[in-house]
Amino acid sequence: MADGSTGLRSEQAALLNTLAQKGCSNANRKKHKGFTLIETLISIYLVMLAAGIFVALLPSAAATEKMVGYHEQAASLVQHKIDQLRGVGYGRLTYTELLNAGVIDTTPTTSPYTFNATDSLSTYLQHPTSTITVSDLTSDTKQVIVTITWTGSSYHQATGNLRAVAFISKD
């Protein structure tokens, strides 16, 4: 029996030597560089998945960009209006003086005033509403609140509201 098992082992060793010489061993397979079909398909799938996610986020990014643009425009308009009111000065924060200075619209004639038409807000924002509220805070200081509100279109239901408060004193 010992002789039969030794012969079988030598036949197996000879077969392995023959296969190794023909390049069929595991060691030789690992020397070949490249990707298998499965690895290639998985990588293509992952790239397609990432591209799909990216493309799906584009409309949301565009809507967000538009909303940010509206906020930036409204902030600029509110700051401009505050600067105009400060330029008019404490003693001239009345309907007649603000109208003559081109700061407010003709109506309403009492606070809160509007400036939709004066500043052509509809060219910058969709469906804008604006107010300027002037009130006496102390005997020598007035509080001015400038507010702009806008709504989106029927396609973009975004709305926004921006408000700034300023104090204008006699000095």
N, C-alpha and C. Protein backbone atom coordinates (compact mmCIF):
# COMPACT_ATOMS: atom_id res chain seq x y z
N MET A 1 0.79 -1.18 0.00
CA MET A 1 0.00 0.00 0.00
C MET A 1 0.84 1.25 0.00
N ALA A 2 1.92 1.16 0.67
CA ALA A 2 2.78 2.33 0.72
C ALA A 2 3.32 2.64 -0.64
N ASP A 3 3.58 1.60 -1.43
CA ASP A 3 4.11 1.83 -2.76
C ASP A 3 3.06 2.47 -3.66
N GLY A 4 1.77 2.06 -3.52
CA GLY A 4 0.71 2.62 -4.36
C GLY A 4 0.46 4.08 -4.05
N SER A 5 0.52 4.47 -2.81
CA SER A 5 0.26 5.87 -2.45
C SER A 5 1.42 6.75 -2.85
N THR A 6 2.65 6.20 -2.83
CA THR A 6 3.80 6.97 -3.27
C THR A 6 3.73 7.21 -4.76
N GLY A 7 3.28 6.21 -5.50
CA GLY A 7 3.14 6.36 -6.95
C GLY A 7 2.07 7.38 -7.30
N LEU A 8 0.98 7.39 -6.54
CA LEU A 8 -0.10 8.36 -6.78
C LEU A 8 0.38 9.77 -6.50
N ARG A 9 1.18 9.89 -5.46
CA ARG A 9 1.70 11.21 -5.11
C ARG A 9 2.66 11.70 -6.18
N SER A 10 3.48 10.81 -6.69
CA SER A 10 4.43 11.23 -7.72
C SER A 10 3.71 11.58 -9.01
N GLU A 11 2.58 10.89 -9.31
CA GLU A 11 1.79 11.23 -10.49
C GLU A 11 1.14 12.62 -10.33
N GLN A 12 0.66 12.91 -9.12
CA GLN A 12 0.05 14.22 -8.85
C GLN A 12 1.09 15.32 -8.96
N ALA A 13 2.29 15.05 -8.45
CA ALA A 13 3.37 16.03 -8.53
C ALA A 13 3.77 16.26 -9.97
N ALA A 14 3.80 15.20 -10.76
CA ALA A 14 4.15 15.34 -12.17
C ALA A 14 3.08 16.14 -12.91
N LEU A 15 1.81 15.89 -12.59
CA LEU A 15 0.70 16.64 -13.22
C LEU A 15 0.77 18.11 -12.86
N LEU A 16 1.05 18.40 -11.60
CA LEU A 16 1.17 19.80 -11.17
C LEU A 16 2.34 20.48 -11.85
N ASN A 17 3.46 19.76 -12.02
CA ASN A 17 4.61 20.33 -12.74
C ASN A 17 4.25 20.65 -14.18
N THR A 18 3.52 19.75 -14.81
CA THR A 18 3.11 19.97 -16.21
C THR A 18 2.19 21.18 -16.31
N LEU A 19 1.23 21.27 -15.41
CA LEU A 19 0.32 22.42 -15.42
C LEU A 19 1.07 23.73 -15.14
N ALA A 20 2.02 23.69 -14.23
CA ALA A 20 2.79 24.88 -13.90
C ALA A 20 3.61 25.34 -15.09
N GLN A 21 4.14 24.40 -15.84
CA GLN A 21 4.94 24.75 -17.02
C GLN A 21 4.06 25.36 -18.12
N LYS A 22 2.81 24.94 -18.19
CA LYS A 22 1.90 25.47 -19.20
C LYS A 22 1.24 26.78 -18.75
N GLY A 23 1.51 27.23 -17.54
CA GLY A 23 0.97 28.50 -17.06
C GLY A 23 -0.40 28.40 -16.46
N CYS A 24 -0.78 27.26 -15.92
CA CYS A 24 -2.12 27.07 -15.38
C CYS A 24 -2.16 27.12 -13.87
N SER A 25 -1.08 27.43 -13.19
CA SER A 25 -1.10 27.44 -11.73
C SER A 25 -1.72 28.74 -11.22
N ASN A 26 -2.12 28.72 -9.98
CA ASN A 26 -2.67 29.92 -9.34
C ASN A 26 -1.64 31.04 -9.30
N ALA A 27 -0.39 30.66 -9.11
CA ALA A 27 0.66 31.68 -9.05
C ALA A 27 0.77 32.42 -10.36
N ASN A 28 0.66 31.69 -11.47
CA ASN A 28 0.75 32.34 -12.78
C ASN A 28 -0.49 33.16 -13.09
N ARG A 29 -1.65 32.73 -12.62
CA ARG A 29 -2.87 33.50 -12.87
C ARG A 29 -2.81 34.86 -12.19
N LYS A 30 -2.22 34.91 -11.04
CA LYS A 30 -2.13 36.17 -10.31
C LYS A 30 -1.14 37.13 -10.94
N LYS A 31 -0.27 36.63 -11.78
CA LYS A 31 0.69 37.50 -12.44
C LYS A 31 0.03 38.28 -13.58
N HIS A 32 -1.07 37.76 -14.12
CA HIS A 32 -1.77 38.46 -15.20
C HIS A 32 -2.49 39.66 -14.62
N LYS A 33 -2.25 40.84 -15.21
CA LYS A 33 -2.85 42.06 -14.71
C LYS A 33 -4.13 42.34 -15.48
N GLY A 34 -5.11 43.00 -14.80
CA GLY A 34 -6.37 43.35 -15.44
C GLY A 34 -7.53 43.11 -14.49
N PHE A 35 -8.72 43.45 -14.97
CA PHE A 35 -9.92 43.31 -14.16
C PHE A 35 -10.79 42.20 -14.73
N THR A 36 -11.51 41.57 -13.83
CA THR A 36 -12.45 40.55 -14.29
C THR A 36 -13.71 41.24 -14.79
N LEU A 37 -14.55 40.51 -15.46
CA LEU A 37 -15.80 41.05 -15.98
C LEU A 37 -16.69 41.55 -14.83
N ILE A 38 -16.74 40.82 -13.76
CA ILE A 38 -17.56 41.21 -12.61
C ILE A 38 -17.07 42.53 -12.02
N GLU A 39 -15.77 42.65 -11.84
CA GLU A 39 -15.21 43.90 -11.31
C GLU A 39 -15.53 45.08 -12.22
N THR A 40 -15.44 44.88 -13.51
CA THR A 40 -15.74 45.94 -14.47
C THR A 40 -17.21 46.33 -14.41
N LEU A 41 -18.10 45.35 -14.35
CA LEU A 41 -19.53 45.62 -14.28
C LEU A 41 -19.90 46.35 -12.98
N ILE A 42 -19.29 45.98 -11.89
CA ILE A 42 -19.57 46.65 -10.61
C ILE A 42 -19.10 48.10 -10.65
N SER A 43 -17.93 48.33 -11.22
CA SER A 43 -17.44 49.71 -11.28
C SER A 43 -18.31 50.56 -12.21
N ILE A 44 -18.76 49.99 -13.33
CA ILE A 44 -19.66 50.74 -14.23
C ILE A 44 -20.97 51.04 -13.51
N TYR A 45 -21.50 50.09 -12.76
CA TYR A 45 -22.72 50.30 -12.00
C TYR A 45 -22.56 51.43 -10.99
N LEU A 46 -21.46 51.43 -10.26
CA LEU A 46 -21.23 52.47 -9.25
C LEU A 46 -21.10 53.85 -9.89
N VAL A 47 -20.43 53.94 -11.02
CA VAL A 47 -20.29 55.23 -11.72
C VAL A 47 -21.66 55.70 -12.20
N MET A 48 -22.46 54.80 -12.74
CA MET A 48 -23.81 55.15 -13.21
C MET A 48 -24.69 55.59 -12.04
N LEU A 49 -24.57 54.93 -10.91
CA LEU A 49 -25.34 55.29 -9.73
C LEU A 49 -24.97 56.70 -9.26
N ALA A 50 -23.69 57.00 -9.20
CA ALA A 50 -23.23 58.34 -8.79
C ALA A 50 -23.71 59.40 -9.78
N ALA A 51 -23.64 59.10 -11.07
CA ALA A 51 -24.11 60.04 -12.09
C ALA A 51 -25.61 60.26 -11.97
N GLY A 52 -26.36 59.22 -11.70
CA GLY A 52 -27.81 59.34 -11.52
C GLY A 52 -28.17 60.22 -10.34
N ILE A 53 -27.45 60.05 -9.25
CA ILE A 53 -27.70 60.89 -8.06
C ILE A 53 -27.37 62.34 -8.38
N PHE A 54 -26.28 62.57 -9.05
CA PHE A 54 -25.88 63.93 -9.42
C PHE A 54 -26.93 64.59 -10.30
N VAL A 55 -27.40 63.88 -11.31
CA VAL A 55 -28.40 64.43 -12.23
C VAL A 55 -29.72 64.68 -11.50
N ALA A 56 -30.07 63.83 -10.55
CA ALA A 56 -31.31 64.01 -9.79
C ALA A 56 -31.25 65.25 -8.91
N LEU A 57 -30.08 65.65 -8.48
CA LEU A 57 -29.95 66.82 -7.60
C LEU A 57 -29.89 68.14 -8.36
N LEU A 58 -29.68 68.11 -9.65
CA LEU A 58 -29.56 69.36 -10.43
C LEU A 58 -30.79 70.26 -10.35
N PRO A 59 -32.02 69.76 -10.52
CA PRO A 59 -33.18 70.66 -10.41
C PRO A 59 -33.31 71.31 -9.04
N SER A 60 -33.01 70.56 -8.00
CA SER A 60 -33.07 71.12 -6.65
C SER A 60 -32.02 72.21 -6.47
N ALA A 61 -30.84 72.00 -7.01
CA ALA A 61 -29.77 73.00 -6.92
C ALA A 61 -30.16 74.26 -7.68
N ALA A 62 -30.79 74.11 -8.83
CA ALA A 62 -31.21 75.27 -9.62
C ALA A 62 -32.28 76.07 -8.88
N ALA A 63 -33.22 75.39 -8.25
CA ALA A 63 -34.26 76.08 -7.47
C ALA A 63 -33.65 76.80 -6.27
N THR A 64 -32.70 76.18 -5.62
CA THR A 64 -32.04 76.80 -4.48
C THR A 64 -31.26 78.02 -4.92
N GLU A 65 -30.60 77.93 -6.07
CA GLU A 65 -29.85 79.06 -6.59
C GLU A 65 -30.77 80.24 -6.87
N LYS A 66 -31.96 79.97 -7.41
CA LYS A 66 -32.92 81.04 -7.69
C LYS A 66 -33.39 81.68 -6.39
N MET A 67 -33.67 80.86 -5.39
CA MET A 67 -34.13 81.38 -4.10
C MET A 67 -33.05 82.23 -3.44
N VAL A 68 -31.81 81.79 -3.50
CA VAL A 68 -30.71 82.57 -2.94
C VAL A 68 -30.56 83.89 -3.68
N GLY A 69 -30.74 83.85 -4.99
CA GLY A 69 -30.69 85.08 -5.78
C GLY A 69 -31.75 86.08 -5.36
N TYR A 70 -32.97 85.59 -5.09
CA TYR A 70 -34.05 86.47 -4.62
C TYR A 70 -33.69 87.08 -3.26
N HIS A 71 -33.15 86.27 -2.38
CA HIS A 71 -32.76 86.79 -1.05
C HIS A 71 -31.66 87.85 -1.18
N GLU A 72 -30.68 87.61 -2.02
CA GLU A 72 -29.61 88.59 -2.21
C GLU A 72 -30.16 89.90 -2.78
N GLN A 73 -31.05 89.78 -3.75
CA GLN A 73 -31.64 90.98 -4.35
C GLN A 73 -32.47 91.74 -3.33
N ALA A 74 -33.26 91.02 -2.56
CA ALA A 74 -34.09 91.67 -1.53
C ALA A 74 -33.21 92.33 -0.47
N ALA A 75 -32.13 91.70 -0.08
CA ALA A 75 -31.23 92.30 0.91
C ALA A 75 -30.62 93.59 0.38
N SER A 76 -30.25 93.57 -0.88
CA SER A 76 -29.70 94.78 -1.50
C SER A 76 -30.74 95.90 -1.55
N LEU A 77 -31.97 95.57 -1.91
CA LEU A 77 -33.04 96.58 -1.97
C LEU A 77 -33.38 97.14 -0.59
N VAL A 78 -33.43 96.28 0.40
CA VAL A 78 -33.72 96.74 1.77
C VAL A 78 -32.61 97.67 2.26
N GLN A 79 -31.37 97.28 2.04
CA GLN A 79 -30.25 98.12 2.47
C GLN A 79 -30.26 99.46 1.73
N HIS A 80 -30.57 99.44 0.45
CA HIS A 80 -30.66 100.68 -0.33
C HIS A 80 -31.75 101.60 0.24
N LYS A 81 -32.88 101.01 0.61
CA LYS A 81 -33.98 101.80 1.15
C LYS A 81 -33.60 102.40 2.52
N ILE A 82 -32.92 101.63 3.34
CA ILE A 82 -32.45 102.14 4.64
C ILE A 82 -31.49 103.31 4.42
N ASP A 83 -30.58 103.17 3.46
CA ASP A 83 -29.64 104.24 3.15
C ASP A 83 -30.36 105.50 2.67
N GLN A 84 -31.40 105.32 1.84
CA GLN A 84 -32.19 106.47 1.39
C GLN A 84 -32.87 107.17 2.57
N LEU A 85 -33.43 106.40 3.47
CA LEU A 85 -34.11 106.98 4.63
C LEU A 85 -33.13 107.73 5.53
N ARG A 86 -31.97 107.19 5.71
CA ARG A 86 -30.95 107.89 6.50
C ARG A 86 -30.52 109.17 5.80
N GLY A 87 -30.46 109.13 4.47
CA GLY A 87 -30.11 110.32 3.70
C GLY A 87 -31.15 111.42 3.82
N VAL A 88 -32.41 111.02 3.92
CA VAL A 88 -33.49 112.01 4.08
C VAL A 88 -33.35 112.69 5.45
N GLY A 89 -33.06 111.90 6.47
CA GLY A 89 -32.82 112.48 7.79
C GLY A 89 -34.03 112.44 8.71
N TYR A 90 -33.76 112.62 9.97
CA TYR A 90 -34.76 112.50 11.02
C TYR A 90 -35.95 113.45 10.83
N GLY A 91 -35.69 114.70 10.58
CA GLY A 91 -36.76 115.71 10.52
C GLY A 91 -37.63 115.61 9.28
N ARG A 92 -37.21 114.82 8.28
CA ARG A 92 -37.96 114.76 7.03
C ARG A 92 -38.60 113.39 6.79
N LEU A 93 -38.78 112.62 7.82
CA LEU A 93 -39.39 111.30 7.68
C LEU A 93 -40.92 111.40 7.71
N THR A 94 -41.47 112.24 6.85
CA THR A 94 -42.91 112.43 6.72
C THR A 94 -43.32 111.99 5.32
N TYR A 95 -44.61 111.82 5.12
CA TYR A 95 -45.11 111.38 3.82
C TYR A 95 -44.67 112.32 2.71
N THR A 96 -44.88 113.61 2.87
CA THR A 96 -44.56 114.59 1.83
C THR A 96 -43.08 114.58 1.50
N GLU A 97 -42.23 114.61 2.50
CA GLU A 97 -40.78 114.64 2.28
C GLU A 97 -40.28 113.34 1.64
N LEU A 98 -40.78 112.21 2.09
CA LEU A 98 -40.36 110.93 1.52
C LEU A 98 -40.84 110.78 0.08
N LEU A 99 -42.03 111.28 -0.21
CA LEU A 99 -42.55 111.23 -1.57
C LEU A 99 -41.73 112.14 -2.49
N ASN A 100 -41.43 113.36 -2.03
CA ASN A 100 -40.63 114.30 -2.82
C ASN A 100 -39.21 113.78 -3.06
N ALA A 101 -38.68 113.02 -2.11
CA ALA A 101 -37.33 112.46 -2.25
C ALA A 101 -37.32 111.21 -3.12
N GLY A 102 -38.49 110.73 -3.52
CA GLY A 102 -38.56 109.53 -4.36
C GLY A 102 -38.30 108.25 -3.60
N VAL A 103 -38.63 108.23 -2.32
CA VAL A 103 -38.38 107.05 -1.49
C VAL A 103 -39.59 106.13 -1.44
N ILE A 104 -40.82 106.70 -1.49
CA ILE A 104 -42.03 105.90 -1.33
C ILE A 104 -42.98 106.11 -2.51
N ASP A 105 -43.99 105.25 -2.59
CA ASP A 105 -45.05 105.37 -3.59
C ASP A 105 -46.05 106.43 -3.14
N THR A 106 -46.95 106.81 -4.04
CA THR A 106 -47.95 107.85 -3.71
C THR A 106 -48.99 107.36 -2.72
N THR A 107 -49.27 106.08 -2.71
CA THR A 107 -50.22 105.54 -1.73
C THR A 107 -49.57 104.39 -1.00
N PRO A 108 -49.87 104.20 0.24
CA PRO A 108 -50.75 104.94 1.14
C PRO A 108 -50.08 106.22 1.64
N THR A 109 -50.87 107.10 2.20
CA THR A 109 -50.35 108.39 2.66
C THR A 109 -49.96 108.38 4.13
N THR A 110 -50.16 107.26 4.81
CA THR A 110 -49.75 107.13 6.21
C THR A 110 -48.88 105.88 6.35
N SER A 111 -48.12 105.85 7.41
CA SER A 111 -47.25 104.71 7.68
C SER A 111 -48.11 103.48 8.00
N PRO A 112 -47.82 102.35 7.47
CA PRO A 112 -46.68 101.94 6.67
C PRO A 112 -46.83 102.34 5.20
N TYR A 113 -45.74 102.88 4.66
CA TYR A 113 -45.70 103.30 3.26
C TYR A 113 -45.23 102.11 2.40
N THR A 114 -45.39 102.24 1.10
CA THR A 114 -44.89 101.21 0.18
C THR A 114 -43.90 101.82 -0.80
N PHE A 115 -43.11 100.98 -1.44
CA PHE A 115 -42.18 101.45 -2.48
C PHE A 115 -42.08 100.46 -3.64
N ASN A 116 -43.16 99.73 -3.89
CA ASN A 116 -43.18 98.77 -5.01
C ASN A 116 -42.94 99.45 -6.35
N ALA A 117 -43.71 100.51 -6.63
CA ALA A 117 -43.60 101.19 -7.92
C ALA A 117 -42.35 102.04 -7.99
N THR A 118 -42.00 102.71 -6.92
CA THR A 118 -40.85 103.60 -6.91
C THR A 118 -39.56 102.87 -7.30
N ASP A 119 -39.35 101.70 -6.75
CA ASP A 119 -38.13 100.95 -7.02
C ASP A 119 -38.32 99.83 -8.04
N SER A 120 -39.48 99.77 -8.68
CA SER A 120 -39.77 98.72 -9.69
C SER A 120 -39.41 97.34 -9.16
N LEU A 121 -39.93 97.01 -8.01
CA LEU A 121 -39.58 95.73 -7.37
C LEU A 121 -39.97 94.52 -8.20
N SER A 122 -41.02 94.63 -9.01
CA SER A 122 -41.46 93.47 -9.79
C SER A 122 -40.44 93.07 -10.86
N THR A 123 -39.49 93.94 -11.18
CA THR A 123 -38.43 93.54 -12.12
C THR A 123 -37.36 92.70 -11.45
N TYR A 124 -37.30 92.75 -10.13
CA TYR A 124 -36.29 92.01 -9.38
C TYR A 124 -36.84 90.77 -8.67
N LEU A 125 -38.08 90.87 -8.18
CA LEU A 125 -38.68 89.81 -7.40
C LEU A 125 -40.04 89.45 -7.97
N GLN A 126 -40.51 88.26 -7.68
CA GLN A 126 -41.83 87.85 -8.16
C GLN A 126 -42.88 88.17 -7.12
N HIS A 127 -43.90 88.87 -7.53
CA HIS A 127 -45.04 89.26 -6.69
C HIS A 127 -44.58 89.93 -5.38
N PRO A 128 -43.84 91.04 -5.48
CA PRO A 128 -43.30 91.65 -4.26
C PRO A 128 -44.33 92.53 -3.53
N THR A 129 -44.14 92.64 -2.25
CA THR A 129 -44.87 93.57 -1.39
C THR A 129 -43.84 94.23 -0.50
N SER A 130 -43.94 95.54 -0.36
CA SER A 130 -42.95 96.24 0.45
C SER A 130 -43.64 97.21 1.40
N THR A 131 -43.02 97.42 2.54
CA THR A 131 -43.53 98.41 3.50
C THR A 131 -42.37 99.12 4.18
N ILE A 132 -42.65 100.37 4.53
CA ILE A 132 -41.75 101.15 5.38
C ILE A 132 -42.60 101.67 6.52
N THR A 133 -42.26 101.29 7.73
CA THR A 133 -42.97 101.75 8.90
C THR A 133 -42.07 102.71 9.66
N VAL A 134 -42.56 103.93 9.88
CA VAL A 134 -41.80 104.95 10.62
C VAL A 134 -42.55 105.22 11.91
N SER A 135 -41.85 105.09 13.03
CA SER A 135 -42.48 105.36 14.32
C SER A 135 -41.49 106.07 15.24
N ASP A 136 -42.04 106.89 16.15
CA ASP A 136 -41.20 107.59 17.13
C ASP A 136 -40.81 106.61 18.22
N LEU A 137 -39.51 106.46 18.41
CA LEU A 137 -39.01 105.58 19.46
C LEU A 137 -38.81 106.38 20.74
N THR A 138 -38.10 107.50 20.62
CA THR A 138 -37.94 108.45 21.72
C THR A 138 -38.15 109.83 21.12
N SER A 139 -37.95 110.86 21.92
CA SER A 139 -38.17 112.21 21.42
C SER A 139 -37.15 112.63 20.36
N ASP A 140 -36.00 111.96 20.32
CA ASP A 140 -35.00 112.32 19.31
C ASP A 140 -34.55 111.13 18.44
N THR A 141 -35.31 110.02 18.48
CA THR A 141 -34.98 108.86 17.67
C THR A 141 -36.24 108.25 17.05
N LYS A 142 -36.15 107.95 15.77
CA LYS A 142 -37.25 107.27 15.08
C LYS A 142 -36.79 105.87 14.69
N GLN A 143 -37.73 104.95 14.76
CA GLN A 143 -37.47 103.59 14.34
C GLN A 143 -38.07 103.41 12.95
N VAL A 144 -37.28 102.88 12.04
CA VAL A 144 -37.72 102.64 10.67
C VAL A 144 -37.60 101.14 10.40
N ILE A 145 -38.70 100.53 9.96
CA ILE A 145 -38.70 99.10 9.63
C ILE A 145 -39.02 98.98 8.15
N VAL A 146 -38.09 98.37 7.40
CA VAL A 146 -38.27 98.15 5.97
C VAL A 146 -38.45 96.64 5.77
N THR A 147 -39.56 96.28 5.09
CA THR A 147 -39.88 94.87 4.86
C THR A 147 -40.17 94.63 3.39
N ILE A 148 -39.62 93.56 2.85
CA ILE A 148 -39.95 93.12 1.50
C ILE A 148 -40.37 91.65 1.59
N THR A 149 -41.52 91.36 0.99
CA THR A 149 -42.03 89.99 0.94
C THR A 149 -42.28 89.65 -0.52
N TRP A 150 -41.97 88.43 -0.92
CA TRP A 150 -42.24 88.00 -2.29
C TRP A 150 -42.70 86.56 -2.28
N THR A 151 -43.38 86.18 -3.34
CA THR A 151 -43.84 84.79 -3.50
C THR A 151 -43.31 84.27 -4.82
N GLY A 152 -43.24 82.97 -4.90
CA GLY A 152 -42.74 82.35 -6.12
C GLY A 152 -43.82 82.28 -7.18
N SER A 153 -43.47 81.70 -8.29
CA SER A 153 -44.41 81.52 -9.39
C SER A 153 -45.24 80.27 -9.13
N SER A 154 -46.11 79.94 -10.08
CA SER A 154 -46.90 78.73 -9.93
C SER A 154 -46.03 77.47 -10.02
N TYR A 155 -44.84 77.60 -10.63
CA TYR A 155 -43.93 76.47 -10.73
C TYR A 155 -43.04 76.35 -9.51
N HIS A 156 -42.64 77.46 -8.94
CA HIS A 156 -41.78 77.47 -7.76
C HIS A 156 -42.55 78.12 -6.62
N GLN A 157 -42.94 77.34 -5.64
CA GLN A 157 -43.78 77.83 -4.56
C GLN A 157 -42.97 78.50 -3.44
N ALA A 158 -41.77 78.94 -3.74
CA ALA A 158 -40.91 79.55 -2.74
C ALA A 158 -41.41 80.95 -2.39
N THR A 159 -41.40 81.26 -1.13
CA THR A 159 -41.73 82.60 -0.68
C THR A 159 -40.58 83.10 0.18
N GLY A 160 -40.50 84.41 0.30
CA GLY A 160 -39.43 84.97 1.11
C GLY A 160 -39.88 86.24 1.78
N ASN A 161 -39.20 86.57 2.85
CA ASN A 161 -39.52 87.76 3.62
C ASN A 161 -38.22 88.26 4.21
N LEU A 162 -37.94 89.53 4.00
CA LEU A 162 -36.72 90.12 4.54
C LEU A 162 -37.10 91.42 5.23
N ARG A 163 -36.57 91.63 6.43
CA ARG A 163 -36.93 92.79 7.23
C ARG A 163 -35.67 93.36 7.86
N ALA A 164 -35.59 94.69 7.84
CA ALA A 164 -34.46 95.37 8.48
C ALA A 164 -35.00 96.51 9.34
N VAL A 165 -34.36 96.71 10.46
CA VAL A 165 -34.75 97.78 11.39
C VAL A 165 -33.58 98.75 11.50
N ALA A 166 -33.92 100.05 11.41
CA ALA A 166 -32.89 101.08 11.57
C ALA A 166 -33.39 102.15 12.53
N PHE A 167 -32.47 102.78 13.19
CA PHE A 167 -32.81 103.87 14.10
C PHE A 167 -32.16 105.14 13.56
N ILE A 168 -32.98 106.18 13.39
CA ILE A 168 -32.49 107.44 12.85
C ILE A 168 -32.71 108.51 13.92
N SER A 169 -31.62 109.15 14.30
CA SER A 169 -31.71 110.16 15.36
C SER A 169 -31.54 111.56 14.80
N LYS A 170 -31.83 112.56 15.64
CA LYS A 170 -31.75 113.95 15.22
C LYS A 170 -30.35 114.36 14.80
N ASP A 171 -29.34 113.85 15.46
CA ASP A 171 -27.96 114.28 15.20
C ASP A 171 -27.44 113.67 14.00
